[in-house]
Amino acid sequence: MLHRTRHLFIRQQTAVINSIRAHLAEFGIVATVGRKGVTELLHVVADPSDKRVPEVGRVCLAALGDQLLGLKRQILEFDRMIMACHRSTRRASAFITFPGSVRCWRPLWSRV
């Protein structure tokens, strides 16, 4: 359930990012692909002296930016819950690999 909920939040995050990019592209404002590009776009929205974005658009885009930040917080919270769940469960923790170590596990059906 944790993984599916996190996956839903990631899909919503992608949709919000695409929406922000599409709305700003209507005004000719584009940025590079990736997190850095979205951050640049949100700085344009937050700058009231930038007259390329009308006030109504700025309000809508600011709401989308707030939604994006909320989704990022929720994804991080679910990442932490998933890791805590894996660490507390013996079977799940057996599949966690740590940097510098290699673990090779046989499938459960091969142990029968």
PDB file of N, CA and C in Angstrom:
ATOM      1  N   MET A   1       0.820  -1.187   0.000  1.00  0.00           N
ATOM      2  CA  MET A   1       0.000   0.000   0.000  1.00  0.00           C
ATOM      3  C   MET A   1       0.872   1.262   0.000  1.00  0.00           C
ATOM      4  N   LEU A   2       1.947   1.240   0.760  1.00  0.00           N
ATOM      5  CA  LEU A   2       2.840   2.400   0.807  1.00  0.00           C
ATOM      6  C   LEU A   2       3.420   2.707  -0.575  1.00  0.00           C
ATOM      7  N   HIS A   3       3.842   1.649  -1.267  1.00  0.00           N
ATOM      8  CA  HIS A   3       4.462   1.842  -2.579  1.00  0.00           C
ATOM      9  C   HIS A   3       3.455   2.382  -3.591  1.00  0.00           C
ATOM     10  N   ARG A   4       2.242   1.878  -3.553  1.00  0.00           N
ATOM     11  CA  ARG A   4       1.223   2.348  -4.502  1.00  0.00           C
ATOM     12  C   ARG A   4       0.842   3.790  -4.238  1.00  0.00           C
ATOM     13  N   THR A   5       0.732   4.149  -2.975  1.00  0.00           N
ATOM     14  CA  THR A   5       0.400   5.533  -2.644  1.00  0.00           C
ATOM     15  C   THR A   5       1.524   6.466  -3.067  1.00  0.00           C
ATOM     16  N   ARG A   6       2.764   6.056  -2.819  1.00  0.00           N
ATOM     17  CA  ARG A   6       3.913   6.863  -3.250  1.00  0.00           C
ATOM     18  C   ARG A   6       3.929   7.005  -4.763  1.00  0.00           C
ATOM     19  N   HIS A   7       3.625   5.923  -5.456  1.00  0.00           N
ATOM     20  CA  HIS A   7       3.598   5.954  -6.917  1.00  0.00           C
ATOM     21  C   HIS A   7       2.519   6.919  -7.420  1.00  0.00           C
ATOM     22  N   LEU A   8       1.373   6.945  -6.751  1.00  0.00           N
ATOM     23  CA  LEU A   8       0.317   7.900  -7.097  1.00  0.00           C
ATOM     24  C   LEU A   8       0.807   9.329  -6.929  1.00  0.00           C
ATOM     25  N   PHE A   9       1.496   9.605  -5.824  1.00  0.00           N
ATOM     26  CA  PHE A   9       2.031  10.949  -5.597  1.00  0.00           C
ATOM     27  C   PHE A   9       3.050  11.326  -6.673  1.00  0.00           C
ATOM     28  N   ILE A  10       3.855  10.378  -7.106  1.00  0.00           N
ATOM     29  CA  ILE A  10       4.846  10.669  -8.146  1.00  0.00           C
ATOM     30  C   ILE A  10       4.151  10.978  -9.469  1.00  0.00           C
ATOM     31  N   ARG A  11       3.092  10.234  -9.786  1.00  0.00           N
ATOM     32  CA  ARG A  11       2.336  10.535 -11.015  1.00  0.00           C
ATOM     33  C   ARG A  11       1.698  11.914 -10.931  1.00  0.00           C
ATOM     34  N   GLN A  12       1.165  12.266  -9.765  1.00  0.00           N
ATOM     35  CA  GLN A  12       0.580  13.591  -9.588  1.00  0.00           C
ATOM     36  C   GLN A  12       1.652  14.673  -9.708  1.00  0.00           C
ATOM     37  N   GLN A  13       2.838  14.418  -9.153  1.00  0.00           N
ATOM     38  CA  GLN A  13       3.944  15.367  -9.248  1.00  0.00           C
ATOM     39  C   GLN A  13       4.309  15.599 -10.710  1.00  0.00           C
ATOM     40  N   THR A  14       4.387  14.532 -11.483  1.00  0.00           N
ATOM     41  CA  THR A  14       4.705  14.651 -12.903  1.00  0.00           C
ATOM     42  C   THR A  14       3.647  15.473 -13.627  1.00  0.00           C
ATOM     43  N   ALA A  15       2.380  15.231 -13.303  1.00  0.00           N
ATOM     44  CA  ALA A  15       1.290  15.973 -13.934  1.00  0.00           C
ATOM     45  C   ALA A  15       1.360  17.465 -13.597  1.00  0.00           C
ATOM     46  N   VAL A  16       1.663  17.787 -12.351  1.00  0.00           N
ATOM     47  CA  VAL A  16       1.755  19.193 -11.945  1.00  0.00           C
ATOM     48  C   VAL A  16       2.943  19.870 -12.634  1.00  0.00           C
ATOM     49  N   ILE A  17       4.072  19.185 -12.695  1.00  0.00           N
ATOM     50  CA  ILE A  17       5.251  19.750 -13.365  1.00  0.00           C
ATOM     51  C   ILE A  17       4.947  20.007 -14.837  1.00  0.00           C
ATOM     52  N   ASN A  18       4.312  19.035 -15.493  1.00  0.00           N
ATOM     53  CA  ASN A  18       3.963  19.209 -16.905  1.00  0.00           C
ATOM     54  C   ASN A  18       2.982  20.353 -17.098  1.00  0.00           C
ATOM     55  N   SER A  19       2.073  20.517 -16.169  1.00  0.00           N
ATOM     56  CA  SER A  19       1.106  21.612 -16.243  1.00  0.00           C
ATOM     57  C   SER A  19       1.800  22.968 -16.100  1.00  0.00           C
ATOM     58  N   ILE A  20       2.702  23.076 -15.151  1.00  0.00           N
ATOM     59  CA  ILE A  20       3.450  24.323 -14.962  1.00  0.00           C
ATOM     60  C   ILE A  20       4.230  24.653 -16.223  1.00  0.00           C
ATOM     61  N   ARG A  21       4.918  23.673 -16.762  1.00  0.00           N
ATOM     62  CA  ARG A  21       5.707  23.890 -17.985  1.00  0.00           C
ATOM     63  C   ARG A  21       4.811  24.301 -19.152  1.00  0.00           C
ATOM     64  N   ALA A  22       3.660  23.637 -19.308  1.00  0.00           N
ATOM     65  CA  ALA A  22       2.761  23.938 -20.423  1.00  0.00           C
ATOM     66  C   ALA A  22       2.176  25.341 -20.303  1.00  0.00           C
ATOM     67  N   HIS A  23       1.740  25.717 -19.097  1.00  0.00           N
ATOM     68  CA  HIS A  23       1.160  27.046 -18.914  1.00  0.00           C
ATOM     69  C   HIS A  23       2.180  28.141 -19.199  1.00  0.00           C
ATOM     70  N   LEU A  24       3.395  27.956 -18.714  1.00  0.00           N
ATOM     71  CA  LEU A  24       4.416  28.976 -18.951  1.00  0.00           C
ATOM     72  C   LEU A  24       4.888  28.981 -20.406  1.00  0.00           C
ATOM     73  N   ALA A  25       4.833  27.838 -21.062  1.00  0.00           N
ATOM     74  CA  ALA A  25       5.206  27.791 -22.480  1.00  0.00           C
ATOM     75  C   ALA A  25       4.242  28.624 -23.317  1.00  0.00           C
ATOM     76  N   GLU A  26       2.991  28.767 -22.877  1.00  0.00           N
ATOM     77  CA  GLU A  26       2.030  29.614 -23.579  1.00  0.00           C
ATOM     78  C   GLU A  26       2.493  31.067 -23.610  1.00  0.00           C
ATOM     79  N   PHE A  27       3.278  31.459 -22.641  1.00  0.00           N
ATOM     80  CA  PHE A  27       3.807  32.819 -22.586  1.00  0.00           C
ATOM     81  C   PHE A  27       5.232  32.896 -23.118  1.00  0.00           C
ATOM     82  N   GLY A  28       5.713  31.797 -23.674  1.00  0.00           N
ATOM     83  CA  GLY A  28       7.055  31.770 -24.241  1.00  0.00           C
ATOM     84  C   GLY A  28       8.154  31.593 -23.216  1.00  0.00           C
ATOM     85  N   ILE A  29       7.808  31.125 -22.050  1.00  0.00           N
ATOM     86  CA  ILE A  29       8.791  30.920 -20.984  1.00  0.00           C
ATOM     87  C   ILE A  29       9.065  29.424 -20.873  1.00  0.00           C
ATOM     88  N   VAL A  30      10.289  29.035 -21.170  1.00  0.00           N
ATOM     89  CA  VAL A  30      10.680  27.624 -21.104  1.00  0.00           C
ATOM     90  C   VAL A  30      11.962  27.515 -20.284  1.00  0.00           C
ATOM     91  N   ALA A  31      12.233  26.306 -19.822  1.00  0.00           N
ATOM     92  CA  ALA A  31      13.440  26.060 -19.031  1.00  0.00           C
ATOM     93  C   ALA A  31      13.960  24.671 -19.366  1.00  0.00           C
ATOM     94  N   THR A  32      15.147  24.378 -18.874  1.00  0.00           N
ATOM     95  CA  THR A  32      15.771  23.083 -19.139  1.00  0.00           C
ATOM     96  C   THR A  32      14.971  21.956 -18.503  1.00  0.00           C
ATOM     97  N   VAL A  33      15.203  20.766 -18.996  1.00  0.00           N
ATOM     98  CA  VAL A  33      14.548  19.573 -18.472  1.00  0.00           C
ATOM     99  C   VAL A  33      15.132  19.250 -17.106  1.00  0.00           C
ATOM    100  N   GLY A  34      14.288  18.757 -16.214  1.00  0.00           N
ATOM    101  CA  GLY A  34      14.761  18.328 -14.906  1.00  0.00           C
ATOM    102  C   GLY A  34      14.314  19.255 -13.790  1.00  0.00           C
ATOM    103  N   ARG A  35      14.774  18.905 -12.591  1.00  0.00           N
ATOM    104  CA  ARG A  35      14.387  19.662 -11.393  1.00  0.00           C
ATOM    105  C   ARG A  35      14.838  21.112 -11.452  1.00  0.00           C
ATOM    106  N   LYS A  36      16.030  21.320 -11.968  1.00  0.00           N
ATOM    107  CA  LYS A  36      16.570  22.675 -12.014  1.00  0.00           C
ATOM    108  C   LYS A  36      15.694  23.576 -12.890  1.00  0.00           C
ATOM    109  N   GLY A  37      15.198  23.027 -13.987  1.00  0.00           N
ATOM    110  CA  GLY A  37      14.342  23.799 -14.884  1.00  0.00           C
ATOM    111  C   GLY A  37      13.037  24.199 -14.231  1.00  0.00           C
ATOM    112  N   VAL A  38      12.430  23.286 -13.493  1.00  0.00           N
ATOM    113  CA  VAL A  38      11.176  23.595 -12.804  1.00  0.00           C
ATOM    114  C   VAL A  38      11.413  24.660 -11.740  1.00  0.00           C
ATOM    115  N   THR A  39      12.530  24.564 -11.048  1.00  0.00           N
ATOM    116  CA  THR A  39      12.870  25.574 -10.040  1.00  0.00           C
ATOM    117  C   THR A  39      13.017  26.942 -10.677  1.00  0.00           C
ATOM    118  N   GLU A  40      13.657  27.002 -11.840  1.00  0.00           N
ATOM    119  CA  GLU A  40      13.799  28.277 -12.558  1.00  0.00           C
ATOM    120  C   GLU A  40      12.427  28.844 -12.925  1.00  0.00           C
ATOM    121  N   LEU A  41      11.528  27.974 -13.385  1.00  0.00           N
ATOM    122  CA  LEU A  41      10.194  28.427 -13.757  1.00  0.00           C
ATOM    123  C   LEU A  41       9.428  28.954 -12.553  1.00  0.00           C
ATOM    124  N   LEU A  42       9.570  28.286 -11.421  1.00  0.00           N
ATOM    125  CA  LEU A  42       8.875  28.754 -10.216  1.00  0.00           C
ATOM    126  C   LEU A  42       9.441  30.083  -9.723  1.00  0.00           C
ATOM    127  N   HIS A  43      10.727  30.347  -9.977  1.00  0.00           N
ATOM    128  CA  HIS A  43      11.306  31.645  -9.630  1.00  0.00           C
ATOM    129  C   HIS A  43      10.717  32.742 -10.511  1.00  0.00           C
ATOM    130  N   VAL A  44      10.465  32.423 -11.769  1.00  0.00           N
ATOM    131  CA  VAL A  44       9.828  33.393 -12.667  1.00  0.00           C
ATOM    132  C   VAL A  44       8.430  33.713 -12.158  1.00  0.00           C
ATOM    133  N   VAL A  45       7.702  32.696 -11.740  1.00  0.00           N
ATOM    134  CA  VAL A  45       6.342  32.898 -11.226  1.00  0.00           C
ATOM    135  C   VAL A  45       6.373  33.732  -9.944  1.00  0.00           C
ATOM    136  N   ALA A  46       7.346  33.499  -9.093  1.00  0.00           N
ATOM    137  CA  ALA A  46       7.420  34.193  -7.805  1.00  0.00           C
ATOM    138  C   ALA A  46       7.885  35.640  -7.932  1.00  0.00           C
ATOM    139  N   ASP A  47       8.458  36.012  -9.063  1.00  0.00           N
ATOM    140  CA  ASP A  47       8.994  37.359  -9.256  1.00  0.00           C
ATOM    141  C   ASP A  47       7.895  38.293  -9.762  1.00  0.00           C
ATOM    142  N   PRO A  48       7.368  39.176  -8.901  1.00  0.00           N
ATOM    143  CA  PRO A  48       6.281  40.066  -9.326  1.00  0.00           C
ATOM    144  C   PRO A  48       6.730  41.117 -10.346  1.00  0.00           C
ATOM    145  N   SER A  49       8.025  41.362 -10.455  1.00  0.00           N
ATOM    146  CA  SER A  49       8.503  42.361 -11.419  1.00  0.00           C
ATOM    147  C   SER A  49       8.581  41.792 -12.836  1.00  0.00           C
ATOM    148  N   ASP A  50       8.478  40.475 -12.988  1.00  0.00           N
ATOM    149  CA  ASP A  50       8.499  39.842 -14.303  1.00  0.00           C
ATOM    150  C   ASP A  50       7.109  39.982 -14.925  1.00  0.00           C
ATOM    151  N   LYS A  51       7.000  40.788 -15.936  1.00  0.00           N
ATOM    152  CA  LYS A  51       5.695  41.104 -16.534  1.00  0.00           C
ATOM    153  C   LYS A  51       5.298  40.154 -17.659  1.00  0.00           C
ATOM    154  N   ARG A  52       6.086  39.113 -17.900  1.00  0.00           N
ATOM    155  CA  ARG A  52       5.730  38.152 -18.945  1.00  0.00           C
ATOM    156  C   ARG A  52       4.530  37.304 -18.557  1.00  0.00           C
ATOM    157  N   VAL A  53       4.295  37.156 -17.260  1.00  0.00           N
ATOM    158  CA  VAL A  53       3.177  36.349 -16.771  1.00  0.00           C
ATOM    159  C   VAL A  53       2.114  37.285 -16.208  1.00  0.00           C
ATOM    160  N   PRO A  54       0.869  37.222 -16.732  1.00  0.00           N
ATOM    161  CA  PRO A  54      -0.198  38.070 -16.179  1.00  0.00           C
ATOM    162  C   PRO A  54      -0.527  37.674 -14.739  1.00  0.00           C
ATOM    163  N   GLU A  55      -1.142  38.572 -14.030  1.00  0.00           N
ATOM    164  CA  GLU A  55      -1.408  38.363 -12.603  1.00  0.00           C
ATOM    165  C   GLU A  55      -2.290  37.132 -12.355  1.00  0.00           C
ATOM    166  N   VAL A  56      -3.304  36.933 -13.171  1.00  0.00           N
ATOM    167  CA  VAL A  56      -4.179  35.762 -12.999  1.00  0.00           C
ATOM    168  C   VAL A  56      -3.374  34.472 -13.213  1.00  0.00           C
ATOM    169  N   GLY A  57      -2.528  34.463 -14.217  1.00  0.00           N
ATOM    170  CA  GLY A  57      -1.678  33.310 -14.465  1.00  0.00           C
ATOM    171  C   GLY A  57      -0.706  33.074 -13.331  1.00  0.00           C
ATOM    172  N   ARG A  58      -0.202  34.171 -12.775  1.00  0.00           N
ATOM    173  CA  ARG A  58       0.744  34.056 -11.659  1.00  0.00           C
ATOM    174  C   ARG A  58       0.075  33.400 -10.446  1.00  0.00           C
ATOM    175  N   VAL A  59      -1.177  33.771 -10.190  1.00  0.00           N
ATOM    176  CA  VAL A  59      -1.900  33.186  -9.054  1.00  0.00           C
ATOM    177  C   VAL A  59      -2.122  31.691  -9.277  1.00  0.00           C
ATOM    178  N   CYS A  60      -2.537  31.335 -10.488  1.00  0.00           N
ATOM    179  CA  CYS A  60      -2.764  29.913 -10.802  1.00  0.00           C
ATOM    180  C   CYS A  60      -1.467  29.118 -10.717  1.00  0.00           C
ATOM    181  N   LEU A  61      -0.407  29.660 -11.275  1.00  0.00           N
ATOM    182  CA  LEU A  61       0.882  28.959 -11.260  1.00  0.00           C
ATOM    183  C   LEU A  61       1.467  28.874  -9.855  1.00  0.00           C
ATOM    184  N   ALA A  62       1.219  29.893  -9.039  1.00  0.00           N
ATOM    185  CA  ALA A  62       1.678  29.835  -7.650  1.00  0.00           C
ATOM    186  C   ALA A  62       0.952  28.714  -6.898  1.00  0.00           C
ATOM    187  N   ALA A  63      -0.341  28.546  -7.190  1.00  0.00           N
ATOM    188  CA  ALA A  63      -1.094  27.449  -6.565  1.00  0.00           C
ATOM    189  C   ALA A  63      -0.533  26.097  -6.998  1.00  0.00           C
ATOM    190  N   LEU A  64      -0.190  25.967  -8.275  1.00  0.00           N
ATOM    191  CA  LEU A  64       0.419  24.728  -8.751  1.00  0.00           C
ATOM    192  C   LEU A  64       1.790  24.511  -8.106  1.00  0.00           C
ATOM    193  N   GLY A  65       2.539  25.588  -7.911  1.00  0.00           N
ATOM    194  CA  GLY A  65       3.833  25.480  -7.235  1.00  0.00           C
ATOM    195  C   GLY A  65       3.680  25.004  -5.796  1.00  0.00           C
ATOM    196  N   ASP A  66       2.658  25.528  -5.106  1.00  0.00           N
ATOM    197  CA  ASP A  66       2.391  25.075  -3.740  1.00  0.00           C
ATOM    198  C   ASP A  66       2.003  23.595  -3.728  1.00  0.00           C
ATOM    199  N   GLN A  67       1.198  23.201  -4.707  1.00  0.00           N
ATOM    200  CA  GLN A  67       0.802  21.798  -4.819  1.00  0.00           C
ATOM    201  C   GLN A  67       2.021  20.914  -5.048  1.00  0.00           C
ATOM    202  N   LEU A  68       2.938  21.369  -5.889  1.00  0.00           N
ATOM    203  CA  LEU A  68       4.155  20.624  -6.178  1.00  0.00           C
ATOM    204  C   LEU A  68       5.005  20.444  -4.924  1.00  0.00           C
ATOM    205  N   LEU A  69       5.162  21.505  -4.160  1.00  0.00           N
ATOM    206  CA  LEU A  69       5.951  21.414  -2.926  1.00  0.00           C
ATOM    207  C   LEU A  69       5.303  20.459  -1.930  1.00  0.00           C
ATOM    208  N   GLY A  70       3.980  20.486  -1.842  1.00  0.00           N
ATOM    209  CA  GLY A  70       3.276  19.555  -0.959  1.00  0.00           C
ATOM    210  C   GLY A  70       3.464  18.112  -1.379  1.00  0.00           C
ATOM    211  N   LEU A  71       3.408  17.867  -2.689  1.00  0.00           N
ATOM    212  CA  LEU A  71       3.626  16.509  -3.190  1.00  0.00           C
ATOM    213  C   LEU A  71       5.040  16.042  -2.903  1.00  0.00           C
ATOM    214  N   LYS A  72       6.022  16.932  -3.061  1.00  0.00           N
ATOM    215  CA  LYS A  72       7.412  16.560  -2.778  1.00  0.00           C
ATOM    216  C   LYS A  72       7.576  16.185  -1.310  1.00  0.00           C
ATOM    217  N   ARG A  73       6.922  16.939  -0.424  1.00  0.00           N
ATOM    218  CA  ARG A  73       6.984  16.613   1.009  1.00  0.00           C
ATOM    219  C   ARG A  73       6.350  15.250   1.288  1.00  0.00           C
ATOM    220  N   GLN A  74       5.209  14.984   0.657  1.00  0.00           N
ATOM    221  CA  GLN A  74       4.541  13.704   0.873  1.00  0.00           C
ATOM    222  C   GLN A  74       5.368  12.537   0.335  1.00  0.00           C
ATOM    223  N   ILE A  75       5.989  12.723  -0.822  1.00  0.00           N
ATOM    224  CA  ILE A  75       6.832  11.664  -1.386  1.00  0.00           C
ATOM    225  C   ILE A  75       7.999  11.372  -0.452  1.00  0.00           C
ATOM    226  N   LEU A  76       8.625  12.420   0.070  1.00  0.00           N
ATOM    227  CA  LEU A  76       9.732  12.231   1.003  1.00  0.00           C
ATOM    228  C   LEU A  76       9.271  11.513   2.272  1.00  0.00           C
ATOM    229  N   GLU A  77       8.096  11.875   2.768  1.00  0.00           N
ATOM    230  CA  GLU A  77       7.560  11.222   3.959  1.00  0.00           C
ATOM    231  C   GLU A  77       7.295   9.740   3.695  1.00  0.00           C
ATOM    232  N   PHE A  78       6.745   9.438   2.523  1.00  0.00           N
ATOM    233  CA  PHE A  78       6.486   8.036   2.198  1.00  0.00           C
ATOM    234  C   PHE A  78       7.785   7.274   1.963  1.00  0.00           C
ATOM    235  N   ASP A  79       8.803   7.918   1.393  1.00  0.00           N
ATOM    236  CA  ASP A  79      10.116   7.279   1.264  1.00  0.00           C
ATOM    237  C   ASP A  79      10.645   6.871   2.633  1.00  0.00           C
ATOM    238  N   ARG A  80      10.498   7.767   3.593  1.00  0.00           N
ATOM    239  CA  ARG A  80      10.970   7.469   4.956  1.00  0.00           C
ATOM    240  C   ARG A  80      10.166   6.336   5.583  1.00  0.00           C
ATOM    241  N   MET A  81       8.841   6.329   5.369  1.00  0.00           N
ATOM    242  CA  MET A  81       8.015   5.269   5.924  1.00  0.00           C
ATOM    243  C   MET A  81       8.356   3.921   5.287  1.00  0.00           C
ATOM    244  N   ILE A  82       8.606   3.925   3.985  1.00  0.00           N
ATOM    245  CA  ILE A  82       8.969   2.678   3.301  1.00  0.00           C
ATOM    246  C   ILE A  82      10.288   2.147   3.836  1.00  0.00           C
ATOM    247  N   MET A  83      11.271   3.024   3.994  1.00  0.00           N
ATOM    248  CA  MET A  83      12.562   2.581   4.522  1.00  0.00           C
ATOM    249  C   MET A  83      12.421   2.074   5.952  1.00  0.00           C
ATOM    250  N   ALA A  84      11.629   2.739   6.779  1.00  0.00           N
ATOM    251  CA  ALA A  84      11.418   2.287   8.153  1.00  0.00           C
ATOM    252  C   ALA A  84      10.730   0.922   8.171  1.00  0.00           C
ATOM    253  N   CYS A  85       9.784   0.737   7.272  1.00  0.00           N
ATOM    254  CA  CYS A  85       9.089  -0.548   7.186  1.00  0.00           C
ATOM    255  C   CYS A  85      10.050  -1.648   6.753  1.00  0.00           C
ATOM    256  N   HIS A  86      10.910  -1.354   5.796  1.00  0.00           N
ATOM    257  CA  HIS A  86      11.877  -2.341   5.329  1.00  0.00           C
ATOM    258  C   HIS A  86      12.894  -2.685   6.414  1.00  0.00           C
ATOM    259  N   ARG A  87      13.299  -1.696   7.160  1.00  0.00           N
ATOM    260  CA  ARG A  87      14.280  -1.953   8.222  1.00  0.00           C
ATOM    261  C   ARG A  87      13.685  -2.763   9.364  1.00  0.00           C
ATOM    262  N   SER A  88      12.384  -2.607   9.588  1.00  0.00           N
ATOM    263  CA  SER A  88      11.754  -3.316  10.706  1.00  0.00           C
ATOM    264  C   SER A  88      11.324  -4.726  10.336  1.00  0.00           C
ATOM    265  N   THR A  89      11.269  -5.039   9.069  1.00  0.00           N
ATOM    266  CA  THR A  89      10.837  -6.354   8.624  1.00  0.00           C
ATOM    267  C   THR A  89      12.055  -7.159   8.198  1.00  0.00           C
ATOM    268  N   ARG A  90      12.230  -8.294   8.805  1.00  0.00           N
ATOM    269  CA  ARG A  90      13.428  -9.101   8.533  1.00  0.00           C
ATOM    270  C   ARG A  90      13.499  -9.516   7.063  1.00  0.00           C
ATOM    271  N   ARG A  91      12.406  -9.999   6.524  1.00  0.00           N
ATOM    272  CA  ARG A  91      12.404 -10.472   5.143  1.00  0.00           C
ATOM    273  C   ARG A  91      12.675  -9.316   4.176  1.00  0.00           C
ATOM    274  N   ALA A  92      12.056  -8.167   4.401  1.00  0.00           N
ATOM    275  CA  ALA A  92      12.253  -7.023   3.509  1.00  0.00           C
ATOM    276  C   ALA A  92      13.662  -6.462   3.633  1.00  0.00           C
ATOM    277  N   SER A  93      14.188  -6.436   4.855  1.00  0.00           N
ATOM    278  CA  SER A  93      15.526  -5.873   5.032  1.00  0.00           C
ATOM    279  C   SER A  93      16.598  -6.730   4.377  1.00  0.00           C
ATOM    280  N   ALA A  94      16.292  -7.979   4.098  1.00  0.00           N
ATOM    281  CA  ALA A  94      17.251  -8.844   3.424  1.00  0.00           C
ATOM    282  C   ALA A  94      17.487  -8.423   1.982  1.00  0.00           C
ATOM    283  N   PHE A  95      16.564  -7.679   1.421  1.00  0.00           N
ATOM    284  CA  PHE A  95      16.689  -7.260   0.024  1.00  0.00           C
ATOM    285  C   PHE A  95      17.244  -5.855  -0.130  1.00  0.00           C
ATOM    286  N   ILE A  96      17.523  -5.188   0.958  1.00  0.00           N
ATOM    287  CA  ILE A  96      18.112  -3.851   0.892  1.00  0.00           C
ATOM    288  C   ILE A  96      19.613  -4.001   0.695  1.00  0.00           C
ATOM    289  N   THR A  97      20.147  -3.297  -0.267  1.00  0.00           N
ATOM    290  CA  THR A  97      21.595  -3.323  -0.472  1.00  0.00           C
ATOM    291  C   THR A  97      22.170  -2.005  -0.014  1.00  0.00           C
ATOM    292  N   PHE A  98      23.361  -2.050   0.484  1.00  0.00           N
ATOM    293  CA  PHE A  98      24.028  -0.862   0.981  1.00  0.00           C
ATOM    294  C   PHE A  98      25.204  -0.540   0.067  1.00  0.00           C
ATOM    295  N   PRO A  99      25.582   0.730  -0.041  1.00  0.00           N
ATOM    296  CA  PRO A  99      26.705   1.089  -0.903  1.00  0.00           C
ATOM    297  C   PRO A  99      27.963   0.309  -0.523  1.00  0.00           C
ATOM    298  N   GLY A 100      28.600  -0.246  -1.516  1.00  0.00           N
ATOM    299  CA  GLY A 100      29.824  -0.985  -1.278  1.00  0.00           C
ATOM    300  C   GLY A 100      29.623  -2.460  -0.998  1.00  0.00           C
ATOM    301  N   SER A 101      28.377  -2.884  -0.850  1.00  0.00           N
ATOM    302  CA  SER A 101      28.133  -4.303  -0.607  1.00  0.00           C
ATOM    303  C   SER A 101      27.263  -4.857  -1.725  1.00  0.00           C
ATOM    304  N   VAL A 102      27.480  -6.106  -2.015  1.00  0.00           N
ATOM    305  CA  VAL A 102      26.686  -6.778  -3.034  1.00  0.00           C
ATOM    306  C   VAL A 102      26.042  -7.982  -2.387  1.00  0.00           C
ATOM    307  N   ARG A 103      24.749  -8.055  -2.488  1.00  0.00           N
ATOM    308  CA  ARG A 103      24.044  -9.197  -1.928  1.00  0.00           C
ATOM    309  C   ARG A 103      23.393  -9.956  -3.070  1.00  0.00           C
ATOM    310  N   CYS A 104      23.513 -11.233  -3.020  1.00  0.00           N
ATOM    311  CA  CYS A 104      22.921 -12.086  -4.044  1.00  0.00           C
ATOM    312  C   CYS A 104      21.947 -13.019  -3.351  1.00  0.00           C
ATOM    313  N   TRP A 105      20.687 -12.930  -3.713  1.00  0.00           N
ATOM    314  CA  TRP A 105      19.671 -13.741  -3.074  1.00  0.00           C
ATOM    315  C   TRP A 105      19.064 -14.697  -4.087  1.00  0.00           C
ATOM    316  N   ARG A 106      18.891 -15.933  -3.639  1.00  0.00           N
ATOM    317  CA  ARG A 106      18.199 -16.895  -4.474  1.00  0.00           C
ATOM    318  C   ARG A 106      16.703 -16.646  -4.343  1.00  0.00           C
ATOM    319  N   PRO A 107      15.935 -16.856  -5.374  1.00  0.00           N
ATOM    320  CA  PRO A 107      14.489 -16.729  -5.274  1.00  0.00           C
ATOM    321  C   PRO A 107      13.944 -17.703  -4.242  1.00  0.00           C
ATOM    322  N   LEU A 108      12.828 -17.357  -3.634  1.00  0.00           N
ATOM    323  CA  LEU A 108      12.238 -18.204  -2.601  1.00  0.00           C
ATOM    324  C   LEU A 108      11.894 -19.585  -3.121  1.00  0.00           C
ATOM    325  N   TRP A 109      11.452 -19.682  -4.366  1.00  0.00           N
ATOM    326  CA  TRP A 109      11.061 -20.982  -4.904  1.00  0.00           C
ATOM    327  C   TRP A 109      12.246 -21.925  -5.063  1.00  0.00           C
ATOM    328  N   SER A 110      13.456 -21.381  -5.130  1.00  0.00           N
ATOM    329  CA  SER A 110      14.624 -22.258  -5.305  1.00  0.00           C
ATOM    330  C   SER A 110      15.071 -22.858  -3.974  1.00  0.00           C
ATOM    331  N   ARG A 111      14.537 -22.390  -2.867  1.00  0.00           N
ATOM    332  CA  ARG A 111      14.923 -22.897  -1.547  1.00  0.00           C
ATOM    333  C   ARG A 111      14.089 -24.093  -1.128  1.00  0.00           C
ATOM    334  N   VAL A 112      13.047 -24.387  -1.859  1.00  0.00           N
ATOM    335  CA  VAL A 112      12.137 -25.463  -1.485  1.00  0.00           C
ATOM    336  C   VAL A 112      12.711 -26.813  -1.791  1.00  0.00           C
TER     337      VAL A 112
END
